[in-house]
Amino acid sequence: MQDKEIINLVKKAKRHDSDAFTELMQLYMKDMYRTAIAILMNDDDAADAIQDTILICWEKLWTLREIKLFKTWMTRILINKCYDIRKRYENIVEIEVYEEPAVNDEYNLELKEALSALDEKYRIPMTLFYGQGYKCDEIAEILHIPKSTVQTRLARGRERLARYYEEGKE
């Protein structure tokens, strides 16, 4: 879908057109899932975060200032929801107890396993950059970090992934 069409959908959704909003959410569902699973590493929690994000986006769409930044705005809400969910479980469940993501999801399980071996500070920028096509400056805005930090984390994440695959071959 082209940028103009997306902008028109956002404008319609801001005027409380539920069909346009539904179309927007369906358009970005895979991206939201990839982001949520990169942070939470659990399908149920990712689904909860996505559901909460959709509700917040619908209720707060009027606060969106730049229509062309809808996806960035939505992704920031999703990331905050994911962190809220993680904080809620932090005192209850240790990270090692989290359920593995479902075996039958859409993208490469080997890559998911490699990404899960990365620290979160590398995994999230890599998911946003390679999985969703965000640019470094957009990722910096979403994560509230400098662009140079995003670039460094991408480079180090690639190095760690390369090392992970090299160790697996031996």
N, C-alpha and C. Protein backbone atom coordinates (compact mmCIF):
# COMPACT_ATOMS: atom_id res chain seq x y z
N MET A 1 0.84 -1.18 0.00
CA MET A 1 0.00 0.00 0.00
C MET A 1 0.89 1.24 0.00
N GLN A 2 0.52 2.24 -0.76
CA GLN A 2 1.33 3.44 -0.90
C GLN A 2 1.10 4.39 0.27
N ASP A 3 2.07 5.29 0.46
CA ASP A 3 2.00 6.25 1.56
C ASP A 3 0.75 7.10 1.51
N LYS A 4 0.34 7.52 0.32
CA LYS A 4 -0.86 8.37 0.20
C LYS A 4 -2.10 7.62 0.69
N GLU A 5 -2.19 6.35 0.33
CA GLU A 5 -3.34 5.55 0.75
C GLU A 5 -3.35 5.38 2.27
N ILE A 6 -2.17 5.16 2.84
CA ILE A 6 -2.07 5.01 4.29
C ILE A 6 -2.45 6.31 4.98
N ILE A 7 -1.95 7.42 4.47
CA ILE A 7 -2.29 8.73 5.04
C ILE A 7 -3.79 8.98 4.98
N ASN A 8 -4.41 8.61 3.87
CA ASN A 8 -5.87 8.75 3.76
C ASN A 8 -6.60 7.88 4.77
N LEU A 9 -6.10 6.65 4.99
CA LEU A 9 -6.71 5.78 5.99
C LEU A 9 -6.60 6.38 7.39
N VAL A 10 -5.43 6.94 7.68
CA VAL A 10 -5.23 7.55 9.01
C VAL A 10 -6.17 8.75 9.18
N LYS A 11 -6.30 9.56 8.15
CA LYS A 11 -7.22 10.70 8.21
C LYS A 11 -8.65 10.24 8.46
N LYS A 12 -9.06 9.20 7.75
CA LYS A 12 -10.41 8.67 7.95
C LYS A 12 -10.58 8.11 9.36
N ALA A 13 -9.56 7.39 9.82
CA ALA A 13 -9.62 6.81 11.16
C ALA A 13 -9.70 7.90 12.23
N LYS A 14 -8.99 9.00 12.01
CA LYS A 14 -9.06 10.12 12.96
C LYS A 14 -10.46 10.73 13.01
N ARG A 15 -11.21 10.55 11.93
CA ARG A 15 -12.61 11.02 11.90
C ARG A 15 -13.56 9.92 12.39
N HIS A 16 -13.02 8.95 13.10
CA HIS A 16 -13.76 7.84 13.72
C HIS A 16 -14.38 6.89 12.71
N ASP A 17 -13.69 6.66 11.60
CA ASP A 17 -14.12 5.66 10.62
C ASP A 17 -13.52 4.33 11.06
N SER A 18 -14.35 3.47 11.64
CA SER A 18 -13.85 2.21 12.20
C SER A 18 -13.34 1.26 11.12
N ASP A 19 -13.91 1.32 9.92
CA ASP A 19 -13.43 0.45 8.84
C ASP A 19 -12.01 0.83 8.42
N ALA A 20 -11.72 2.13 8.34
CA ALA A 20 -10.38 2.59 7.98
C ALA A 20 -9.39 2.20 9.07
N PHE A 21 -9.80 2.33 10.32
CA PHE A 21 -8.91 1.96 11.43
C PHE A 21 -8.62 0.46 11.41
N THR A 22 -9.65 -0.33 11.16
CA THR A 22 -9.47 -1.78 11.08
C THR A 22 -8.51 -2.15 9.96
N GLU A 23 -8.64 -1.50 8.83
CA GLU A 23 -7.74 -1.75 7.70
C GLU A 23 -6.29 -1.39 8.06
N LEU A 24 -6.11 -0.27 8.77
CA LEU A 24 -4.77 0.13 9.23
C LEU A 24 -4.17 -0.93 10.15
N MET A 25 -4.95 -1.40 11.09
CA MET A 25 -4.46 -2.39 12.05
C MET A 25 -4.10 -3.70 11.35
N GLN A 26 -4.92 -4.11 10.38
CA GLN A 26 -4.61 -5.32 9.64
C GLN A 26 -3.34 -5.15 8.81
N LEU A 27 -3.14 -3.96 8.31
CA LEU A 27 -1.95 -3.66 7.52
C LEU A 27 -0.67 -3.80 8.36
N TYR A 28 -0.73 -3.41 9.62
CA TYR A 28 0.45 -3.39 10.48
C TYR A 28 0.52 -4.55 11.47
N MET A 29 -0.39 -5.50 11.38
CA MET A 29 -0.45 -6.59 12.36
C MET A 29 0.84 -7.41 12.43
N LYS A 30 1.39 -7.80 11.30
CA LYS A 30 2.63 -8.60 11.30
C LYS A 30 3.78 -7.83 11.93
N ASP A 31 3.87 -6.54 11.61
CA ASP A 31 4.93 -5.71 12.19
C ASP A 31 4.78 -5.60 13.70
N MET A 32 3.54 -5.44 14.15
CA MET A 32 3.31 -5.35 15.60
C MET A 32 3.68 -6.67 16.27
N TYR A 33 3.32 -7.78 15.63
CA TYR A 33 3.65 -9.09 16.22
C TYR A 33 5.15 -9.27 16.34
N ARG A 34 5.87 -8.94 15.28
CA ARG A 34 7.33 -9.11 15.30
C ARG A 34 7.98 -8.26 16.39
N THR A 35 7.50 -7.05 16.56
CA THR A 35 8.05 -6.18 17.59
C THR A 35 7.73 -6.72 18.98
N ALA A 36 6.49 -7.10 19.19
CA ALA A 36 6.07 -7.60 20.50
C ALA A 36 6.80 -8.89 20.87
N ILE A 37 6.96 -9.79 19.91
CA ILE A 37 7.62 -11.06 20.20
C ILE A 37 9.11 -10.85 20.45
N ALA A 38 9.70 -9.84 19.82
CA ALA A 38 11.12 -9.54 20.05
C ALA A 38 11.35 -9.08 21.48
N ILE A 39 10.37 -8.43 22.06
CA ILE A 39 10.51 -7.93 23.43
C ILE A 39 10.05 -8.97 24.45
N LEU A 40 8.91 -9.58 24.21
CA LEU A 40 8.29 -10.44 25.22
C LEU A 40 8.65 -11.91 25.09
N MET A 41 8.98 -12.36 23.89
CA MET A 41 9.35 -13.76 23.63
C MET A 41 8.26 -14.74 24.09
N ASN A 42 7.00 -14.33 23.95
CA ASN A 42 5.90 -15.16 24.38
C ASN A 42 4.67 -14.76 23.56
N ASP A 43 4.04 -15.72 22.90
CA ASP A 43 2.90 -15.42 22.02
C ASP A 43 1.71 -14.83 22.77
N ASP A 44 1.39 -15.37 23.93
CA ASP A 44 0.23 -14.88 24.68
C ASP A 44 0.43 -13.43 25.12
N ASP A 45 1.61 -13.14 25.66
CA ASP A 45 1.89 -11.77 26.09
C ASP A 45 1.95 -10.82 24.90
N ALA A 46 2.50 -11.29 23.78
CA ALA A 46 2.55 -10.46 22.57
C ALA A 46 1.13 -10.13 22.10
N ALA A 47 0.25 -11.11 22.14
CA ALA A 47 -1.15 -10.88 21.75
C ALA A 47 -1.82 -9.88 22.67
N ASP A 48 -1.55 -9.97 23.97
CA ASP A 48 -2.10 -9.00 24.93
C ASP A 48 -1.60 -7.60 24.63
N ALA A 49 -0.31 -7.48 24.37
CA ALA A 49 0.28 -6.16 24.09
C ALA A 49 -0.32 -5.57 22.82
N ILE A 50 -0.50 -6.40 21.81
CA ILE A 50 -1.08 -5.92 20.54
C ILE A 50 -2.52 -5.49 20.75
N GLN A 51 -3.27 -6.28 21.49
CA GLN A 51 -4.67 -5.94 21.76
C GLN A 51 -4.77 -4.61 22.51
N ASP A 52 -3.94 -4.44 23.54
CA ASP A 52 -3.93 -3.18 24.29
C ASP A 52 -3.53 -2.01 23.41
N THR A 53 -2.55 -2.24 22.53
CA THR A 53 -2.08 -1.19 21.63
C THR A 53 -3.19 -0.75 20.69
N ILE A 54 -3.91 -1.71 20.13
CA ILE A 54 -5.00 -1.37 19.21
C ILE A 54 -6.06 -0.53 19.92
N LEU A 55 -6.40 -0.92 21.14
CA LEU A 55 -7.39 -0.17 21.90
C LEU A 55 -6.91 1.25 22.20
N ILE A 56 -5.67 1.38 22.63
CA ILE A 56 -5.12 2.70 22.93
C ILE A 56 -5.05 3.56 21.67
N CYS A 57 -4.63 2.96 20.58
CA CYS A 57 -4.56 3.72 19.32
C CYS A 57 -5.93 4.25 18.92
N TRP A 58 -6.95 3.44 19.07
CA TRP A 58 -8.30 3.87 18.71
C TRP A 58 -8.76 5.01 19.64
N GLU A 59 -8.52 4.84 20.94
CA GLU A 59 -8.97 5.84 21.90
C GLU A 59 -8.16 7.14 21.83
N LYS A 60 -6.89 7.05 21.48
CA LYS A 60 -6.01 8.22 21.53
C LYS A 60 -5.60 8.72 20.14
N LEU A 61 -6.24 8.25 19.10
CA LEU A 61 -5.85 8.63 17.75
C LEU A 61 -5.92 10.15 17.55
N TRP A 62 -6.79 10.80 18.25
CA TRP A 62 -6.92 12.25 18.13
C TRP A 62 -5.65 12.97 18.60
N THR A 63 -4.81 12.31 19.42
CA THR A 63 -3.58 12.95 19.92
C THR A 63 -2.43 12.89 18.91
N LEU A 64 -2.60 12.10 17.86
CA LEU A 64 -1.55 11.97 16.83
C LEU A 64 -1.40 13.30 16.10
N ARG A 65 -0.22 13.88 16.18
CA ARG A 65 0.03 15.19 15.57
C ARG A 65 0.38 15.08 14.10
N GLU A 66 1.33 14.20 13.79
CA GLU A 66 1.82 14.03 12.41
C GLU A 66 1.20 12.76 11.82
N ILE A 67 0.29 12.92 10.91
CA ILE A 67 -0.40 11.77 10.32
C ILE A 67 0.58 10.80 9.66
N LYS A 68 1.62 11.33 9.03
CA LYS A 68 2.57 10.45 8.34
C LYS A 68 3.41 9.62 9.32
N LEU A 69 3.38 9.97 10.61
CA LEU A 69 4.14 9.22 11.62
C LEU A 69 3.27 8.24 12.39
N PHE A 70 2.14 7.86 11.82
CA PHE A 70 1.23 6.95 12.50
C PHE A 70 1.91 5.65 12.93
N LYS A 71 2.64 5.02 12.02
CA LYS A 71 3.26 3.73 12.34
C LYS A 71 4.29 3.88 13.46
N THR A 72 5.05 4.94 13.44
CA THR A 72 6.04 5.20 14.50
C THR A 72 5.32 5.40 15.83
N TRP A 73 4.26 6.18 15.82
CA TRP A 73 3.47 6.45 17.02
C TRP A 73 2.89 5.15 17.58
N MET A 74 2.31 4.34 16.70
CA MET A 74 1.71 3.08 17.10
C MET A 74 2.77 2.12 17.66
N THR A 75 3.93 2.07 17.02
CA THR A 75 5.00 1.18 17.48
C THR A 75 5.51 1.60 18.85
N ARG A 76 5.60 2.89 19.10
CA ARG A 76 6.04 3.38 20.42
C ARG A 76 5.04 2.95 21.49
N ILE A 77 3.75 3.04 21.19
CA ILE A 77 2.72 2.60 22.13
C ILE A 77 2.88 1.11 22.40
N LEU A 78 3.10 0.34 21.35
CA LEU A 78 3.27 -1.11 21.48
C LEU A 78 4.47 -1.44 22.36
N ILE A 79 5.59 -0.79 22.11
CA ILE A 79 6.80 -1.05 22.91
C ILE A 79 6.54 -0.72 24.38
N ASN A 80 5.87 0.39 24.64
CA ASN A 80 5.55 0.74 26.02
C ASN A 80 4.65 -0.31 26.66
N LYS A 81 3.67 -0.81 25.91
CA LYS A 81 2.80 -1.86 26.43
C LYS A 81 3.59 -3.13 26.74
N CYS A 82 4.52 -3.47 25.86
CA CYS A 82 5.35 -4.66 26.08
C CYS A 82 6.17 -4.51 27.36
N TYR A 83 6.74 -3.35 27.55
CA TYR A 83 7.51 -3.10 28.77
C TYR A 83 6.62 -3.15 30.00
N ASP A 84 5.40 -2.65 29.89
CA ASP A 84 4.46 -2.73 31.01
C ASP A 84 4.16 -4.19 31.37
N ILE A 85 3.94 -5.00 30.37
CA ILE A 85 3.66 -6.42 30.61
C ILE A 85 4.86 -7.09 31.25
N ARG A 86 6.05 -6.79 30.74
CA ARG A 86 7.25 -7.39 31.33
C ARG A 86 7.45 -6.97 32.77
N LYS A 87 7.21 -5.72 33.06
CA LYS A 87 7.34 -5.24 34.45
C LYS A 87 6.35 -5.96 35.36
N ARG A 88 5.16 -6.18 34.86
CA ARG A 88 4.12 -6.85 35.65
C ARG A 88 4.58 -8.25 36.05
N TYR A 89 5.27 -8.95 35.16
CA TYR A 89 5.72 -10.31 35.43
C TYR A 89 7.10 -10.38 36.05
N GLU A 90 7.81 -9.28 36.05
CA GLU A 90 9.20 -9.29 36.51
C GLU A 90 9.34 -9.87 37.92
N ASN A 91 8.44 -9.51 38.80
CA ASN A 91 8.52 -9.98 40.18
C ASN A 91 7.94 -11.37 40.36
N ILE A 92 7.20 -11.84 39.37
CA ILE A 92 6.51 -13.11 39.51
C ILE A 92 7.27 -14.25 38.83
N VAL A 93 7.72 -14.03 37.60
CA VAL A 93 8.32 -15.09 36.80
C VAL A 93 9.71 -14.67 36.34
N GLU A 94 10.65 -15.60 36.48
CA GLU A 94 11.99 -15.32 35.96
C GLU A 94 11.99 -15.44 34.44
N ILE A 95 12.89 -14.77 33.80
CA ILE A 95 12.95 -14.73 32.33
C ILE A 95 13.12 -16.14 31.74
N GLU A 96 13.81 -17.04 32.40
CA GLU A 96 14.03 -18.38 31.88
C GLU A 96 12.75 -19.21 31.81
N VAL A 97 11.72 -18.82 32.55
CA VAL A 97 10.48 -19.58 32.61
C VAL A 97 9.55 -19.23 31.45
N TYR A 98 9.81 -18.14 30.76
CA TYR A 98 8.92 -17.74 29.66
C TYR A 98 8.81 -18.85 28.63
N GLU A 99 7.62 -18.99 28.12
CA GLU A 99 7.31 -19.98 27.09
C GLU A 99 8.00 -19.59 25.78
N GLU A 100 8.46 -20.59 25.07
CA GLU A 100 9.05 -20.35 23.75
C GLU A 100 7.95 -19.94 22.78
N PRO A 101 8.25 -19.12 21.80
CA PRO A 101 7.25 -18.77 20.79
C PRO A 101 6.75 -20.02 20.05
N ALA A 102 5.57 -19.92 19.51
CA ALA A 102 4.95 -21.05 18.81
C ALA A 102 5.82 -21.53 17.66
N VAL A 103 5.82 -22.83 17.45
CA VAL A 103 6.66 -23.44 16.43
C VAL A 103 6.15 -23.13 15.03
N ASN A 104 4.88 -22.95 14.88
CA ASN A 104 4.31 -22.83 13.54
C ASN A 104 4.09 -21.39 13.09
N ASP A 105 4.82 -20.43 13.65
CA ASP A 105 4.59 -19.07 13.17
C ASP A 105 5.29 -18.85 11.84
N GLU A 106 5.11 -17.66 11.29
CA GLU A 106 5.40 -17.43 9.88
C GLU A 106 6.87 -17.29 9.51
N TYR A 107 7.69 -16.81 10.38
CA TYR A 107 9.04 -16.58 9.91
C TYR A 107 10.07 -17.51 10.55
N ASN A 108 11.21 -17.54 10.00
CA ASN A 108 12.27 -18.50 10.25
C ASN A 108 12.55 -18.76 11.74
N LEU A 109 12.35 -20.00 12.16
CA LEU A 109 12.57 -20.36 13.55
C LEU A 109 14.04 -20.27 13.94
N GLU A 110 14.91 -20.61 13.03
CA GLU A 110 16.35 -20.53 13.32
C GLU A 110 16.76 -19.09 13.59
N LEU A 111 16.23 -18.18 12.79
CA LEU A 111 16.52 -16.76 13.00
C LEU A 111 15.93 -16.28 14.33
N LYS A 112 14.72 -16.73 14.65
CA LYS A 112 14.11 -16.37 15.94
C LYS A 112 14.98 -16.84 17.09
N GLU A 113 15.50 -18.05 16.97
CA GLU A 113 16.36 -18.58 18.02
C GLU A 113 17.64 -17.76 18.14
N ALA A 114 18.20 -17.39 17.02
CA ALA A 114 19.42 -16.57 17.03
C ALA A 114 19.12 -15.20 17.62
N LEU A 115 18.01 -14.61 17.24
CA LEU A 115 17.65 -13.30 17.79
C LEU A 115 17.39 -13.37 19.28
N SER A 116 16.79 -14.46 19.73
CA SER A 116 16.51 -14.59 21.17
C SER A 116 17.79 -14.72 21.98
N ALA A 117 18.89 -15.13 21.33
CA ALA A 117 20.17 -15.22 22.02
C ALA A 117 20.80 -13.84 22.21
N LEU A 118 20.33 -12.85 21.45
CA LEU A 118 20.86 -11.49 21.57
C LEU A 118 20.26 -10.78 22.77
N ASP A 119 21.03 -9.84 23.32
CA ASP A 119 20.48 -8.96 24.34
C ASP A 119 19.35 -8.15 23.72
N GLU A 120 18.40 -7.74 24.53
CA GLU A 120 17.26 -6.98 24.05
C GLU A 120 17.69 -5.68 23.37
N LYS A 121 18.74 -5.06 23.89
CA LYS A 121 19.16 -3.77 23.31
C LYS A 121 19.64 -3.92 21.87
N TYR A 122 20.02 -5.13 21.45
CA TYR A 122 20.38 -5.39 20.06
C TYR A 122 19.20 -5.96 19.28
N ARG A 123 18.43 -6.82 19.95
CA ARG A 123 17.33 -7.52 19.29
C ARG A 123 16.25 -6.56 18.79
N ILE A 124 15.86 -5.58 19.60
CA ILE A 124 14.77 -4.68 19.21
C ILE A 124 15.16 -3.82 18.01
N PRO A 125 16.32 -3.13 18.02
CA PRO A 125 16.67 -2.36 16.82
C PRO A 125 16.80 -3.23 15.57
N MET A 126 17.33 -4.44 15.72
CA MET A 126 17.47 -5.32 14.56
C MET A 126 16.11 -5.74 14.02
N THR A 127 15.17 -6.02 14.89
CA THR A 127 13.82 -6.37 14.47
C THR A 127 13.15 -5.20 13.76
N LEU A 128 13.30 -4.01 14.33
CA LEU A 128 12.68 -2.83 13.72
C LEU A 128 13.32 -2.50 12.38
N PHE A 129 14.65 -2.63 12.28
CA PHE A 129 15.38 -2.26 11.07
C PHE A 129 15.18 -3.30 9.97
N TYR A 130 15.47 -4.57 10.27
CA TYR A 130 15.42 -5.61 9.24
C TYR A 130 14.03 -6.22 9.08
N GLY A 131 13.30 -6.34 10.17
CA GLY A 131 12.00 -6.98 10.09
C GLY A 131 10.89 -6.06 9.63
N GLN A 132 11.01 -4.76 9.95
CA GLN A 132 9.93 -3.85 9.64
C GLN A 132 10.33 -2.69 8.74
N GLY A 133 11.61 -2.58 8.45
CA GLY A 133 12.05 -1.58 7.49
C GLY A 133 12.13 -0.16 8.00
N TYR A 134 12.17 0.01 9.32
CA TYR A 134 12.37 1.36 9.85
C TYR A 134 13.78 1.84 9.54
N LYS A 135 13.94 3.14 9.39
CA LYS A 135 15.25 3.75 9.21
C LYS A 135 15.85 4.02 10.59
N CYS A 136 17.17 4.23 10.63
CA CYS A 136 17.86 4.43 11.91
C CYS A 136 17.29 5.62 12.69
N ASP A 137 17.00 6.71 11.99
CA ASP A 137 16.48 7.88 12.71
C ASP A 137 15.08 7.63 13.26
N GLU A 138 14.28 6.81 12.58
CA GLU A 138 12.96 6.45 13.09
C GLU A 138 13.08 5.55 14.32
N ILE A 139 14.00 4.61 14.27
CA ILE A 139 14.23 3.72 15.41
C ILE A 139 14.69 4.53 16.61
N ALA A 140 15.58 5.49 16.36
CA ALA A 140 16.08 6.36 17.44
C ALA A 140 14.92 7.11 18.09
N GLU A 141 13.99 7.56 17.28
CA GLU A 141 12.83 8.29 17.81
C GLU A 141 11.93 7.35 18.61
N ILE A 142 11.70 6.16 18.09
CA ILE A 142 10.84 5.19 18.77
C ILE A 142 11.42 4.78 20.12
N LEU A 143 12.72 4.51 20.14
CA LEU A 143 13.37 4.00 21.35
C LEU A 143 13.91 5.11 22.26
N HIS A 144 13.81 6.34 21.81
CA HIS A 144 14.30 7.49 22.57
C HIS A 144 15.79 7.37 22.88
N ILE A 145 16.56 7.05 21.85
CA ILE A 145 18.02 6.98 21.96
C ILE A 145 18.61 7.70 20.75
N PRO A 146 19.89 8.10 20.83
CA PRO A 146 20.51 8.78 19.68
C PRO A 146 20.65 7.85 18.47
N LYS A 147 20.64 8.45 17.29
CA LYS A 147 20.77 7.69 16.04
C LYS A 147 22.08 6.90 16.03
N SER A 148 23.15 7.50 16.54
CA SER A 148 24.45 6.81 16.56
C SER A 148 24.40 5.55 17.43
N THR A 149 23.60 5.59 18.49
CA THR A 149 23.44 4.42 19.35
C THR A 149 22.72 3.31 18.59
N VAL A 150 21.71 3.68 17.81
CA VAL A 150 20.99 2.69 16.99
C VAL A 150 21.96 2.04 16.01
N GLN A 151 22.76 2.85 15.34
CA GLN A 151 23.72 2.33 14.37
C GLN A 151 24.72 1.39 15.03
N THR A 152 25.19 1.78 16.20
CA THR A 152 26.14 0.93 16.94
C THR A 152 25.49 -0.39 17.33
N ARG A 153 24.26 -0.32 17.83
CA ARG A 153 23.57 -1.55 18.25
C ARG A 153 23.27 -2.46 17.07
N LEU A 154 22.98 -1.89 15.93
CA LEU A 154 22.77 -2.71 14.73
C LEU A 154 24.07 -3.40 14.33
N ALA A 155 25.17 -2.66 14.34
CA ALA A 155 26.46 -3.25 13.97
C ALA A 155 26.84 -4.35 14.94
N ARG A 156 26.71 -4.09 16.23
CA ARG A 156 27.07 -5.10 17.24
C ARG A 156 26.11 -6.29 17.19
N GLY A 157 24.85 -6.03 16.91
CA GLY A 157 23.88 -7.13 16.78
C GLY A 157 24.24 -8.04 15.61
N ARG A 158 24.64 -7.42 14.49
CA ARG A 158 25.07 -8.22 13.33
C ARG A 158 26.31 -9.05 13.68
N GLU A 159 27.26 -8.43 14.39
CA GLU A 159 28.47 -9.16 14.80
C GLU A 159 28.11 -10.35 15.68
N ARG A 160 27.23 -10.12 16.63
CA ARG A 160 26.84 -11.20 17.55
C ARG A 160 26.08 -12.31 16.81
N LEU A 161 25.23 -11.93 15.85
CA LEU A 161 24.54 -12.95 15.05
C LEU A 161 25.54 -13.76 14.22
N ALA A 162 26.52 -13.09 13.64
CA ALA A 162 27.55 -13.79 12.86
C ALA A 162 28.30 -14.76 13.75
N ARG A 163 28.66 -14.32 14.95
CA ARG A 163 29.37 -15.18 15.90
C ARG A 163 28.49 -16.37 16.30
N TYR A 164 27.20 -16.11 16.50
CA TYR A 164 26.25 -17.16 16.87
C TYR A 164 26.22 -18.24 15.79
N TYR A 165 26.14 -17.83 14.53
CA TYR A 165 26.08 -18.79 13.43
C TYR A 165 27.41 -19.51 13.23
N GLU A 166 28.53 -18.82 13.45
CA GLU A 166 29.83 -19.46 13.32
C GLU A 166 30.03 -20.51 14.40
N GLU A 167 29.60 -20.21 15.62
CA GLU A 167 29.72 -21.17 16.71
C GLU A 167 28.83 -22.39 16.47
N GLY A 168 27.70 -22.18 15.82
CA GLY A 168 26.78 -23.27 15.52
C GLY A 168 27.32 -24.24 14.50
N LYS A 169 28.18 -23.74 13.59
CA LYS A 169 28.77 -24.60 12.55
C LYS A 169 29.86 -25.50 13.11
N GLU A 170 30.50 -25.05 14.16
CA GLU A 170 31.63 -25.83 14.73
C GLU A 170 31.20 -26.95 15.59
